[in-house]
Amino acid sequence: MKSTYSVRQRVTNSYLVRQRDRRRRQELALVVVAVLPVAAALLGYVWLNVKLLNIGYEVYKLDRALEQMEQKGRELEIEVSYLSSPQQVTVRAREELGMVPVSLEQLVFAEEAP
């Protein structure tokens, strides 16, 4: 015995149309509008901290370079004072340039000059 419920019929859904839910779209827009400024503020905060960190590293490197240059300047001042001392000038003049102290015969006085 066949009943009307046991007969299989093909269901056609071609007439069904899915409509977009306007409330859901409004809720999504509201969430995006609420979250976007917070995300932008957090992104700006992170960017500023990264920039600050990079500037800190650069300042540290420049401080180190300045300390090294000051140390090198002190070393050069010591070397200049050592090399310009009269004893050192005399030693270098004799050894490197072959100079000897002036003898009395080599002196020419202005009154004797022709």
C-alpha atoms as a PDB file:
ATOM      1  CA  MET A   1       0.000   0.000   0.000  1.00  0.00           C
ATOM      2  CA  LYS A   2       1.342   3.320  -1.020  1.00  0.00           C
ATOM      3  CA  SER A   3       0.583   6.441   0.800  1.00  0.00           C
ATOM      4  CA  THR A   4       1.066   9.953  -0.403  1.00  0.00           C
ATOM      5  CA  TYR A   5       3.947  10.332   2.032  1.00  0.00           C
ATOM      6  CA  SER A   6       5.930   7.504   0.661  1.00  0.00           C
ATOM      7  CA  VAL A   7       6.149   8.870  -2.843  1.00  0.00           C
ATOM      8  CA  ARG A   8       9.431  10.557  -3.519  1.00  0.00           C
ATOM      9  CA  GLN A   9       9.290  13.758  -5.425  1.00  0.00           C
ATOM     10  CA  ARG A  10      12.198  15.854  -6.507  1.00  0.00           C
ATOM     11  CA  VAL A  11      12.351  19.149  -4.682  1.00  0.00           C
ATOM     12  CA  THR A  12      13.304  22.148  -6.764  1.00  0.00           C
ATOM     13  CA  ASN A  13      14.794  25.097  -4.966  1.00  0.00           C
ATOM     14  CA  SER A  14      15.259  27.234  -8.030  1.00  0.00           C
ATOM     15  CA  TYR A  15      12.658  29.674  -6.834  1.00  0.00           C
ATOM     16  CA  LEU A  16      14.334  30.264  -3.495  1.00  0.00           C
ATOM     17  CA  VAL A  17      16.407  33.456  -3.366  1.00  0.00           C
ATOM     18  CA  ARG A  18      18.719  34.223  -0.472  1.00  0.00           C
ATOM     19  CA  GLN A  19      18.435  37.815   0.608  1.00  0.00           C
ATOM     20  CA  ARG A  20      21.184  39.641   2.454  1.00  0.00           C
ATOM     21  CA  ASP A  21      20.463  40.458   6.053  1.00  0.00           C
ATOM     22  CA  ARG A  22      20.708  44.240   6.457  1.00  0.00           C
ATOM     23  CA  ARG A  23      20.989  44.099  10.249  1.00  0.00           C
ATOM     24  CA  ARG A  24      23.967  41.781  10.015  1.00  0.00           C
ATOM     25  CA  ARG A  25      25.666  44.142   7.551  1.00  0.00           C
ATOM     26  CA  GLN A  26      25.014  47.079   9.902  1.00  0.00           C
ATOM     27  CA  GLU A  27      26.403  45.150  12.860  1.00  0.00           C
ATOM     28  CA  LEU A  28      29.533  44.284  10.872  1.00  0.00           C
ATOM     29  CA  ALA A  29      29.994  47.921   9.868  1.00  0.00           C
ATOM     30  CA  LEU A  30      29.558  48.994  13.491  1.00  0.00           C
ATOM     31  CA  VAL A  31      32.166  46.489  14.678  1.00  0.00           C
ATOM     32  CA  VAL A  32      34.615  47.619  11.982  1.00  0.00           C
ATOM     33  CA  VAL A  33      34.059  51.280  12.877  1.00  0.00           C
ATOM     34  CA  ALA A  34      34.561  50.491  16.570  1.00  0.00           C
ATOM     35  CA  VAL A  35      37.653  48.295  16.135  1.00  0.00           C
ATOM     36  CA  LEU A  36      39.444  50.284  13.417  1.00  0.00           C
ATOM     37  CA  PRO A  37      40.447  53.293  15.605  1.00  0.00           C
ATOM     38  CA  VAL A  38      41.665  50.999  18.374  1.00  0.00           C
ATOM     39  CA  ALA A  39      43.720  48.958  15.917  1.00  0.00           C
ATOM     40  CA  ALA A  40      45.125  52.139  14.352  1.00  0.00           C
ATOM     41  CA  ALA A  41      46.064  53.483  17.797  1.00  0.00           C
ATOM     42  CA  LEU A  42      47.794  50.230  18.736  1.00  0.00           C
ATOM     43  CA  LEU A  43      49.628  50.133  15.423  1.00  0.00           C
ATOM     44  CA  GLY A  44      50.760  53.740  15.916  1.00  0.00           C
ATOM     45  CA  TYR A  45      51.905  52.975  19.455  1.00  0.00           C
ATOM     46  CA  VAL A  46      53.951  49.984  18.317  1.00  0.00           C
ATOM     47  CA  TRP A  47      55.438  51.975  15.422  1.00  0.00           C
ATOM     48  CA  LEU A  48      56.467  54.802  17.767  1.00  0.00           C
ATOM     49  CA  ASN A  49      58.089  52.368  20.192  1.00  0.00           C
ATOM     50  CA  VAL A  50      60.035  50.693  17.394  1.00  0.00           C
ATOM     51  CA  LYS A  51      61.211  54.104  16.138  1.00  0.00           C
ATOM     52  CA  LEU A  52      62.200  55.095  19.681  1.00  0.00           C
ATOM     53  CA  LEU A  53      64.151  51.869  20.086  1.00  0.00           C
ATOM     54  CA  ASN A  54      65.983  52.395  16.787  1.00  0.00           C
ATOM     55  CA  ILE A  55      66.848  55.974  17.745  1.00  0.00           C
ATOM     56  CA  GLY A  56      68.115  54.729  21.106  1.00  0.00           C
ATOM     57  CA  TYR A  57      70.416  52.242  19.397  1.00  0.00           C
ATOM     58  CA  GLU A  58      71.687  54.948  17.055  1.00  0.00           C
ATOM     59  CA  VAL A  59      72.367  57.338  19.948  1.00  0.00           C
ATOM     60  CA  TYR A  60      74.233  54.566  21.754  1.00  0.00           C
ATOM     61  CA  LYS A  61      76.389  53.893  18.679  1.00  0.00           C
ATOM     62  CA  LEU A  62      77.136  57.605  18.293  1.00  0.00           C
ATOM     63  CA  ASP A  63      78.044  57.892  21.982  1.00  0.00           C
ATOM     64  CA  ARG A  64      80.454  54.981  21.616  1.00  0.00           C
ATOM     65  CA  ALA A  65      82.000  56.566  18.514  1.00  0.00           C
ATOM     66  CA  LEU A  66      82.350  59.891  20.360  1.00  0.00           C
ATOM     67  CA  GLU A  67      84.065  58.200  23.300  1.00  0.00           C
ATOM     68  CA  GLN A  68      86.468  56.432  20.941  1.00  0.00           C
ATOM     69  CA  MET A  69      87.263  59.680  19.138  1.00  0.00           C
ATOM     70  CA  GLU A  70      87.834  61.517  22.416  1.00  0.00           C
ATOM     71  CA  GLN A  71      90.176  58.734  23.548  1.00  0.00           C
ATOM     72  CA  LYS A  72      92.043  58.875  20.227  1.00  0.00           C
ATOM     73  CA  GLY A  73      92.271  62.687  20.576  1.00  0.00           C
ATOM     74  CA  ARG A  74      93.792  62.332  24.045  1.00  0.00           C
ATOM     75  CA  GLU A  75      96.302  59.796  22.726  1.00  0.00           C
ATOM     76  CA  LEU A  76      97.253  62.119  19.869  1.00  0.00           C
ATOM     77  CA  GLU A  77      97.689  65.073  22.241  1.00  0.00           C
ATOM     78  CA  ILE A  78     100.026  62.975  24.369  1.00  0.00           C
ATOM     79  CA  GLU A  79     101.961  61.954  21.265  1.00  0.00           C
ATOM     80  CA  VAL A  80     102.204  65.585  20.095  1.00  0.00           C
ATOM     81  CA  SER A  81     103.467  66.744  23.474  1.00  0.00           C
ATOM     82  CA  TYR A  82     106.008  63.907  23.520  1.00  0.00           C
ATOM     83  CA  LEU A  83     107.256  64.521  19.987  1.00  0.00           C
ATOM     84  CA  SER A  84     107.465  68.294  20.399  1.00  0.00           C
ATOM     85  CA  SER A  85     109.533  68.150  23.580  1.00  0.00           C
ATOM     86  CA  PRO A  86     113.021  69.687  23.109  1.00  0.00           C
ATOM     87  CA  GLN A  87     114.798  66.439  24.017  1.00  0.00           C
ATOM     88  CA  GLN A  88     112.816  64.446  21.457  1.00  0.00           C
ATOM     89  CA  VAL A  89     113.317  67.088  18.763  1.00  0.00           C
ATOM     90  CA  THR A  90     117.071  67.014  19.366  1.00  0.00           C
ATOM     91  CA  VAL A  91     117.234  63.218  19.237  1.00  0.00           C
ATOM     92  CA  ARG A  92     115.197  63.034  16.009  1.00  0.00           C
ATOM     93  CA  ALA A  93     117.242  65.824  14.393  1.00  0.00           C
ATOM     94  CA  ARG A  94     120.471  63.955  15.072  1.00  0.00           C
ATOM     95  CA  GLU A  95     119.283  60.460  14.194  1.00  0.00           C
ATOM     96  CA  GLU A  96     116.900  61.012  11.271  1.00  0.00           C
ATOM     97  CA  LEU A  97     118.250  64.172   9.677  1.00  0.00           C
ATOM     98  CA  GLY A  98     121.925  63.863  10.601  1.00  0.00           C
ATOM     99  CA  MET A  99     122.106  67.305  12.184  1.00  0.00           C
ATOM    100  CA  VAL A 100     124.885  68.198  14.591  1.00  0.00           C
ATOM    101  CA  PRO A 101     125.165  71.045  17.035  1.00  0.00           C
ATOM    102  CA  VAL A 102     126.533  74.265  15.535  1.00  0.00           C
ATOM    103  CA  SER A 103     130.206  74.925  16.077  1.00  0.00           C
ATOM    104  CA  LEU A 104     131.532  78.392  16.761  1.00  0.00           C
ATOM    105  CA  GLU A 105     133.265  78.533  13.378  1.00  0.00           C
ATOM    106  CA  GLN A 106     129.957  78.075  11.548  1.00  0.00           C
ATOM    107  CA  LEU A 107     128.334  81.108  13.158  1.00  0.00           C
ATOM    108  CA  VAL A 108     128.130  84.270  11.096  1.00  0.00           C
ATOM    109  CA  PHE A 109     127.360  87.406  12.977  1.00  0.00           C
ATOM    110  CA  ALA A 110     125.454  90.234  11.343  1.00  0.00           C
ATOM    111  CA  GLU A 111     128.294  92.704  11.819  1.00  0.00           C
ATOM    112  CA  GLU A 112     130.717  90.438   9.960  1.00  0.00           C
ATOM    113  CA  ALA A 113     128.430  89.660   7.034  1.00  0.00           C
ATOM    114  CA  PRO A 114     129.563  91.160   3.700  1.00  0.00           C
END
